[in-house]
C-alpha atoms as a PDB file:
ATOM      1  CA  MET A   1      52.509 -42.856  43.905  1.00  0.00           C
ATOM      2  CA  GLY A   2      53.604 -46.437  43.222  1.00  0.00           C
ATOM      3  CA  ALA A   3      54.254 -47.046  46.939  1.00  0.00           C
ATOM      4  CA  VAL A   4      50.799 -45.809  47.807  1.00  0.00           C
ATOM      5  CA  ARG A   5      49.145 -48.227  45.419  1.00  0.00           C
ATOM      6  CA  ALA A   6      51.353 -51.098  46.517  1.00  0.00           C
ATOM      7  CA  GLY A   7      50.388 -50.493  50.149  1.00  0.00           C
ATOM      8  CA  ALA A   8      46.714 -50.324  49.315  1.00  0.00           C
ATOM      9  CA  ARG A   9      46.877 -53.540  47.279  1.00  0.00           C
ATOM     10  CA  ALA A  10      48.607 -55.336  50.132  1.00  0.00           C
ATOM     11  CA  GLY A  11      45.709 -54.411  52.422  1.00  0.00           C
ATOM     12  CA  ASN A  12      47.871 -52.355  54.748  1.00  0.00           C
ATOM     13  CA  LEU A  13      46.089 -49.058  55.309  1.00  0.00           C
ATOM     14  CA  PHE A  14      49.036 -47.523  57.140  1.00  0.00           C
ATOM     15  CA  LEU A  15      51.176 -47.704  54.015  1.00  0.00           C
ATOM     16  CA  SER A  16      48.471 -46.177  51.859  1.00  0.00           C
ATOM     17  CA  PHE A  17      48.555 -42.805  53.653  1.00  0.00           C
ATOM     18  CA  PRO A  18      51.463 -40.364  53.552  1.00  0.00           C
ATOM     19  CA  GLN A  19      53.632 -40.158  56.638  1.00  0.00           C
ATOM     20  CA  ALA A  20      52.809 -37.387  59.105  1.00  0.00           C
ATOM     21  CA  PRO A  21      55.531 -34.790  59.620  1.00  0.00           C
ATOM     22  CA  SER A  22      57.534 -35.141  62.805  1.00  0.00           C
ATOM     23  CA  SER A  23      56.457 -32.816  65.569  1.00  0.00           C
ATOM     24  CA  ARG A  24      58.836 -30.359  67.162  1.00  0.00           C
ATOM     25  CA  MET A  25      59.335 -29.904  70.872  1.00  0.00           C
ATOM     26  CA  PRO A  26      56.951 -27.285  72.282  1.00  0.00           C
ATOM     27  CA  THR A  27      58.467 -23.936  73.027  1.00  0.00           C
ATOM     28  CA  GLU A  28      58.406 -22.273  76.433  1.00  0.00           C
ATOM     29  CA  ARG A  29      55.691 -19.840  75.297  1.00  0.00           C
ATOM     30  CA  SER A  30      53.377 -22.567  74.020  1.00  0.00           C
ATOM     31  CA  LEU A  31      53.530 -24.454  77.323  1.00  0.00           C
ATOM     32  CA  TYR A  32      52.306 -21.413  79.226  1.00  0.00           C
ATOM     33  CA  SER A  33      50.180 -19.698  76.634  1.00  0.00           C
ATOM     34  CA  SER A  34      47.716 -18.188  79.103  1.00  0.00           C
ATOM     35  CA  LEU A  35      48.423 -14.525  79.742  1.00  0.00           C
ATOM     36  CA  TYR A  36      46.733 -14.626  83.128  1.00  0.00           C
ATOM     37  CA  LEU A  37      48.038 -17.936  84.469  1.00  0.00           C
ATOM     38  CA  PRO A  38      48.910 -16.717  88.012  1.00  0.00           C
ATOM     39  CA  GLN A  39      45.593 -14.893  88.347  1.00  0.00           C
ATOM     40  CA  ALA A  40      43.717 -17.933  87.055  1.00  0.00           C
ATOM     41  CA  GLY A  41      45.349 -20.141  89.677  1.00  0.00           C
ATOM     42  CA  LEU A  42      44.479 -17.724  92.448  1.00  0.00           C
ATOM     43  CA  LEU A  43      40.883 -17.387  91.266  1.00  0.00           C
ATOM     44  CA  LEU A  44      40.434 -21.156  90.940  1.00  0.00           C
ATOM     45  CA  ALA A  45      41.940 -21.880  94.357  1.00  0.00           C
ATOM     46  CA  SER A  46      39.973 -19.198  96.190  1.00  0.00           C
ATOM     47  CA  GLY A  47      36.756 -20.072  94.345  1.00  0.00           C
ATOM     48  CA  THR A  48      37.082 -23.741  95.227  1.00  0.00           C
ATOM     49  CA  THR A  49      37.831 -22.867  98.838  1.00  0.00           C
ATOM     50  CA  LEU A  50      34.850 -20.552  99.215  1.00  0.00           C
ATOM     51  CA  PHE A  51      32.462 -22.793  97.319  1.00  0.00           C
ATOM     52  CA  CYS A  52      33.303 -26.028  99.098  1.00  0.00           C
ATOM     53  CA  THR A  53      33.912 -24.582 102.560  1.00  0.00           C
ATOM     54  CA  SER A  54      30.455 -23.067 102.707  1.00  0.00           C
ATOM     55  CA  PHE A  55      28.840 -26.459 102.124  1.00  0.00           C
ATOM     56  CA  TYR A  56      31.187 -28.262 104.505  1.00  0.00           C
ATOM     57  CA  TYR A  57      30.468 -25.711 107.214  1.00  0.00           C
ATOM     58  CA  GLN A  58      26.724 -26.073 106.777  1.00  0.00           C
ATOM     59  CA  ALA A  59      26.898 -29.872 106.747  1.00  0.00           C
ATOM     60  CA  LEU A  60      29.016 -30.065 109.893  1.00  0.00           C
ATOM     61  CA  SER A  61      27.436 -27.270 111.926  1.00  0.00           C
ATOM     62  CA  GLY A  62      23.892 -27.083 110.617  1.00  0.00           C
ATOM     63  CA  ASP A  63      24.218 -23.285 110.344  1.00  0.00           C
ATOM     64  CA  PRO A  64      23.019 -22.100 106.913  1.00  0.00           C
ATOM     65  CA  SER A  65      24.571 -18.633 107.257  1.00  0.00           C
ATOM     66  CA  ALA A  66      27.670 -19.580 105.271  1.00  0.00           C
ATOM     67  CA  GLN A  67      25.575 -20.511 102.235  1.00  0.00           C
ATOM     68  CA  THR A  68      25.894 -16.966 100.960  1.00  0.00           C
ATOM     69  CA  LEU A  69      29.555 -17.646 100.132  1.00  0.00           C
ATOM     70  CA  ALA A  70      28.735 -20.407  97.643  1.00  0.00           C
ATOM     71  CA  PRO A  71      27.655 -18.089  94.778  1.00  0.00           C
ATOM     72  CA  VAL A  72      30.752 -15.946  95.337  1.00  0.00           C
ATOM     73  CA  GLY A  73      32.957 -19.032  95.142  1.00  0.00           C
ATOM     74  CA  GLY A  74      31.161 -20.233  92.023  1.00  0.00           C
ATOM     75  CA  SER A  75      31.646 -16.859  90.372  1.00  0.00           C
ATOM     76  CA  LEU A  76      35.352 -16.926  91.217  1.00  0.00           C
ATOM     77  CA  LEU A  77      35.595 -20.394  89.684  1.00  0.00           C
ATOM     78  CA  LEU A  78      34.000 -19.158  86.467  1.00  0.00           C
ATOM     79  CA  LEU A  79      36.351 -16.185  86.337  1.00  0.00           C
ATOM     80  CA  GLY A  80      39.307 -18.479  86.944  1.00  0.00           C
ATOM     81  CA  TRP A  81      38.380 -20.724  84.021  1.00  0.00           C
ATOM     82  CA  LEU A  82      37.889 -17.663  81.835  1.00  0.00           C
ATOM     83  CA  ALA A  83      41.311 -16.298  82.829  1.00  0.00           C
ATOM     84  CA  LEU A  84      42.864 -19.687  82.073  1.00  0.00           C
ATOM     85  CA  ALA A  85      41.296 -19.692  78.602  1.00  0.00           C
ATOM     86  CA  LEU A  86      42.755 -16.278  77.816  1.00  0.00           C
END
């Protein structure tokens, strides 16, 4: 308690607060905490491919028929983010 007051009187705010506990190294499980990590990667990659390719194809060819793939790709992206969160 005396060290806290001495730090506060000296104007040093860092000495007036208790020291934070040292953090431990993360475990293997905490680094990969998502249960569906491989599925999330596949969903995100395929969703990005379908979503972006449909717009690239339309921009380069002028054919709007590939636009129907954009909502499918967007849905796969949403599912991929959901799988990553789980």
